[in-house]
Amino acid sequence: IVAVAISQLPVGIDIQHISPKMEKIAHKFLLEKQLKGIKEMSQFSLESLHVHWGTKEALFKAYGKGQLDFKQHLHLNWQKEFIPEGDYFDAYIFKADKKTDYNGQYEKIFEDYLFCIVTKKDN
């Protein structure tokens, strides 16, 4: 599977194969309070963990400078019910007391893949 994104602003994309292994490694990229919040969502699912991982991967790629901690620096602003088929959301990178905002989108593609894309907001 190949994806291409073209933008005048920093952009990052990621495609994830949906796998039960994600539940076992979620503690590596989510803070305990984030993982607890996701589990408390009324529609907690394997797909929601993949959205978080895929978005953090996409943010890392959009940032392009490396040296980001997936738990501490990369964040999703999730304030609504999770829709497994796809949705829009806000994300941000917070590093060295600087917050950079991104628009995010995810979509379930085929039966077992998830596509995530982030684009830096034009502030």
C-alpha atoms as a PDB file:
ATOM      1  CA  ILE A   1       0.000   0.000   0.000  1.00  0.00           C
ATOM      2  CA  VAL A   2       1.362   3.392  -0.989  1.00  0.00           C
ATOM      3  CA  ALA A   3       0.116   6.847  -0.041  1.00  0.00           C
ATOM      4  CA  VAL A   4       1.244  10.284  -1.179  1.00  0.00           C
ATOM      5  CA  ALA A   5       0.370  13.665   0.338  1.00  0.00           C
ATOM      6  CA  ILE A   6       1.147  17.001  -1.251  1.00  0.00           C
ATOM      7  CA  SER A   7       0.819  20.175   0.789  1.00  0.00           C
ATOM      8  CA  GLN A   8       2.351  23.623   1.069  1.00  0.00           C
ATOM      9  CA  LEU A   9       2.409  23.059   4.852  1.00  0.00           C
ATOM     10  CA  PRO A  10       4.194  20.268   6.750  1.00  0.00           C
ATOM     11  CA  VAL A  11       2.264  17.028   6.317  1.00  0.00           C
ATOM     12  CA  GLY A  12       2.672  13.480   7.568  1.00  0.00           C
ATOM     13  CA  ILE A  13       0.880  10.258   6.682  1.00  0.00           C
ATOM     14  CA  ASP A  14       0.835   6.747   8.042  1.00  0.00           C
ATOM     15  CA  ILE A  15      -0.916   3.498   7.189  1.00  0.00           C
ATOM     16  CA  GLN A  16      -1.350   0.854   9.868  1.00  0.00           C
ATOM     17  CA  HIS A  17      -2.371  -2.782   9.534  1.00  0.00           C
ATOM     18  CA  ILE A  18      -4.913  -3.319  12.320  1.00  0.00           C
ATOM     19  CA  SER A  19      -3.480  -5.956  14.635  1.00  0.00           C
ATOM     20  CA  PRO A  20      -4.228  -7.134  18.189  1.00  0.00           C
ATOM     21  CA  LYS A  21      -0.524  -6.569  19.005  1.00  0.00           C
ATOM     22  CA  MET A  22      -1.318  -2.854  19.373  1.00  0.00           C
ATOM     23  CA  GLU A  23      -2.976  -3.471  22.742  1.00  0.00           C
ATOM     24  CA  LYS A  24       0.249  -5.012  24.066  1.00  0.00           C
ATOM     25  CA  ILE A  25       2.459  -2.054  23.053  1.00  0.00           C
ATOM     26  CA  ALA A  26       0.073   0.863  23.740  1.00  0.00           C
ATOM     27  CA  HIS A  27       1.917   1.647  26.993  1.00  0.00           C
ATOM     28  CA  LYS A  28       5.002   2.490  24.898  1.00  0.00           C
ATOM     29  CA  PHE A  29       3.369   5.438  23.099  1.00  0.00           C
ATOM     30  CA  LEU A  30       0.564   6.539  25.442  1.00  0.00           C
ATOM     31  CA  LEU A  31       0.823   7.987  28.925  1.00  0.00           C
ATOM     32  CA  GLU A  32      -1.071   5.982  31.542  1.00  0.00           C
ATOM     33  CA  LYS A  33      -3.743   8.703  31.829  1.00  0.00           C
ATOM     34  CA  GLN A  34      -4.154   8.736  28.024  1.00  0.00           C
ATOM     35  CA  LEU A  35      -4.540   4.966  27.883  1.00  0.00           C
ATOM     36  CA  LYS A  36      -7.040   5.083  30.733  1.00  0.00           C
ATOM     37  CA  GLY A  37      -9.016   7.808  28.920  1.00  0.00           C
ATOM     38  CA  ILE A  38      -9.118   5.765  25.724  1.00  0.00           C
ATOM     39  CA  LYS A  39     -10.288   2.685  27.618  1.00  0.00           C
ATOM     40  CA  GLU A  40     -13.042   4.716  29.286  1.00  0.00           C
ATOM     41  CA  MET A  41     -14.421   5.857  25.929  1.00  0.00           C
ATOM     42  CA  SER A  42     -17.770   4.232  25.274  1.00  0.00           C
ATOM     43  CA  GLN A  43     -16.478   2.864  21.968  1.00  0.00           C
ATOM     44  CA  PHE A  44     -12.975   1.710  22.935  1.00  0.00           C
ATOM     45  CA  SER A  45     -11.605  -0.451  20.204  1.00  0.00           C
ATOM     46  CA  LEU A  46      -8.460  -1.729  18.627  1.00  0.00           C
ATOM     47  CA  GLU A  47      -9.009   0.814  15.846  1.00  0.00           C
ATOM     48  CA  SER A  48      -8.876   3.707  18.339  1.00  0.00           C
ATOM     49  CA  LEU A  49      -5.410   2.600  19.493  1.00  0.00           C
ATOM     50  CA  HIS A  50      -4.294   2.416  15.862  1.00  0.00           C
ATOM     51  CA  VAL A  51      -5.576   5.956  15.260  1.00  0.00           C
ATOM     52  CA  HIS A  52      -3.429   7.196  18.133  1.00  0.00           C
ATOM     53  CA  TRP A  53      -0.354   5.294  16.970  1.00  0.00           C
ATOM     54  CA  GLY A  54      -0.843   6.208  13.292  1.00  0.00           C
ATOM     55  CA  THR A  55      -1.401   9.864  14.148  1.00  0.00           C
ATOM     56  CA  LYS A  56       1.716   9.994  16.296  1.00  0.00           C
ATOM     57  CA  GLU A  57       3.691   8.400  13.449  1.00  0.00           C
ATOM     58  CA  ALA A  58       2.265  10.988  11.034  1.00  0.00           C
ATOM     59  CA  LEU A  59       3.090  13.857  13.443  1.00  0.00           C
ATOM     60  CA  PHE A  60       6.647  12.561  13.761  1.00  0.00           C
ATOM     61  CA  LYS A  61       6.988  12.546   9.968  1.00  0.00           C
ATOM     62  CA  ALA A  62       5.431  16.016   9.597  1.00  0.00           C
ATOM     63  CA  TYR A  63       7.826  17.415  12.214  1.00  0.00           C
ATOM     64  CA  GLY A  64      10.761  16.022  10.252  1.00  0.00           C
ATOM     65  CA  LYS A  65      13.470  16.778  12.820  1.00  0.00           C
ATOM     66  CA  GLY A  66      13.371  13.609  14.934  1.00  0.00           C
ATOM     67  CA  GLN A  67      14.025  13.719  18.674  1.00  0.00           C
ATOM     68  CA  LEU A  68      10.383  13.485  19.701  1.00  0.00           C
ATOM     69  CA  ASP A  69       9.097  11.368  22.558  1.00  0.00           C
ATOM     70  CA  PHE A  70       5.847   9.719  21.446  1.00  0.00           C
ATOM     71  CA  LYS A  71       4.388   9.881  24.967  1.00  0.00           C
ATOM     72  CA  GLN A  72       5.478  13.377  25.945  1.00  0.00           C
ATOM     73  CA  HIS A  73       5.528  15.425  22.725  1.00  0.00           C
ATOM     74  CA  LEU A  74       2.832  14.019  20.393  1.00  0.00           C
ATOM     75  CA  HIS A  75      -0.849  14.476  21.258  1.00  0.00           C
ATOM     76  CA  LEU A  76      -4.367  14.069  19.892  1.00  0.00           C
ATOM     77  CA  ASN A  77      -7.148  16.386  21.014  1.00  0.00           C
ATOM     78  CA  TRP A  78      -9.947  13.830  21.192  1.00  0.00           C
ATOM     79  CA  GLN A  79     -13.249  15.237  22.450  1.00  0.00           C
ATOM     80  CA  LYS A  80     -15.945  13.151  20.800  1.00  0.00           C
ATOM     81  CA  GLU A  81     -17.148   9.617  20.200  1.00  0.00           C
ATOM     82  CA  PHE A  82     -14.838   7.410  18.190  1.00  0.00           C
ATOM     83  CA  ILE A  83     -16.107   6.566  14.700  1.00  0.00           C
ATOM     84  CA  PRO A  84     -14.348   3.405  13.424  1.00  0.00           C
ATOM     85  CA  GLU A  85     -14.833   4.276   9.736  1.00  0.00           C
ATOM     86  CA  GLY A  86     -13.061   7.630   9.924  1.00  0.00           C
ATOM     87  CA  ASP A  87     -13.212  11.177  11.244  1.00  0.00           C
ATOM     88  CA  TYR A  88     -11.404  14.503  11.681  1.00  0.00           C
ATOM     89  CA  PHE A  89      -9.639  15.707  14.823  1.00  0.00           C
ATOM     90  CA  ASP A  90      -7.031  18.134  16.155  1.00  0.00           C
ATOM     91  CA  ALA A  91      -3.499  17.092  17.082  1.00  0.00           C
ATOM     92  CA  TYR A  92      -0.425  18.911  18.292  1.00  0.00           C
ATOM     93  CA  ILE A  93       3.247  18.651  19.072  1.00  0.00           C
ATOM     94  CA  PHE A  94       4.358  20.175  22.374  1.00  0.00           C
ATOM     95  CA  LYS A  95       8.116  20.418  22.760  1.00  0.00           C
ATOM     96  CA  ALA A  96      10.400  22.943  24.465  1.00  0.00           C
ATOM     97  CA  ASP A  97       7.381  24.950  25.666  1.00  0.00           C
ATOM     98  CA  LYS A  98       6.178  25.408  22.078  1.00  0.00           C
ATOM     99  CA  LYS A  99       2.872  24.050  20.791  1.00  0.00           C
ATOM    100  CA  THR A 100       2.389  23.397  17.067  1.00  0.00           C
ATOM    101  CA  ASP A 101      -1.162  22.588  15.979  1.00  0.00           C
ATOM    102  CA  TYR A 102      -2.200  20.134  13.255  1.00  0.00           C
ATOM    103  CA  ASN A 103      -5.417  19.093  11.547  1.00  0.00           C
ATOM    104  CA  GLY A 104      -5.828  15.330  11.530  1.00  0.00           C
ATOM    105  CA  GLN A 105      -7.929  12.791   9.715  1.00  0.00           C
ATOM    106  CA  TYR A 106      -8.144   9.023   9.757  1.00  0.00           C
ATOM    107  CA  GLU A 107     -10.016   6.567   7.603  1.00  0.00           C
ATOM    108  CA  LYS A 108     -10.392   2.824   7.701  1.00  0.00           C
ATOM    109  CA  ILE A 109      -9.340   1.473   4.323  1.00  0.00           C
ATOM    110  CA  PHE A 110      -9.976  -2.001   3.031  1.00  0.00           C
ATOM    111  CA  GLU A 111     -11.022  -4.210   5.926  1.00  0.00           C
ATOM    112  CA  ASP A 112      -7.985  -4.144   8.145  1.00  0.00           C
ATOM    113  CA  TYR A 113      -5.947  -1.008   7.451  1.00  0.00           C
ATOM    114  CA  LEU A 114      -6.120   2.480   8.873  1.00  0.00           C
ATOM    115  CA  PHE A 115      -4.881   5.621   7.079  1.00  0.00           C
ATOM    116  CA  CYS A 116      -3.885   8.694   9.143  1.00  0.00           C
ATOM    117  CA  ILE A 117      -2.851  12.126   7.877  1.00  0.00           C
ATOM    118  CA  VAL A 118      -1.904  15.342   9.678  1.00  0.00           C
ATOM    119  CA  THR A 119      -1.286  18.795   8.224  1.00  0.00           C
ATOM    120  CA  LYS A 120       0.170  21.711  10.160  1.00  0.00           C
ATOM    121  CA  LYS A 121      -2.385  24.434  10.781  1.00  0.00           C
ATOM    122  CA  ASP A 122      -1.641  27.704   9.042  1.00  0.00           C
ATOM    123  CA  ASN A 123      -1.525  30.024  12.072  1.00  0.00           C
END
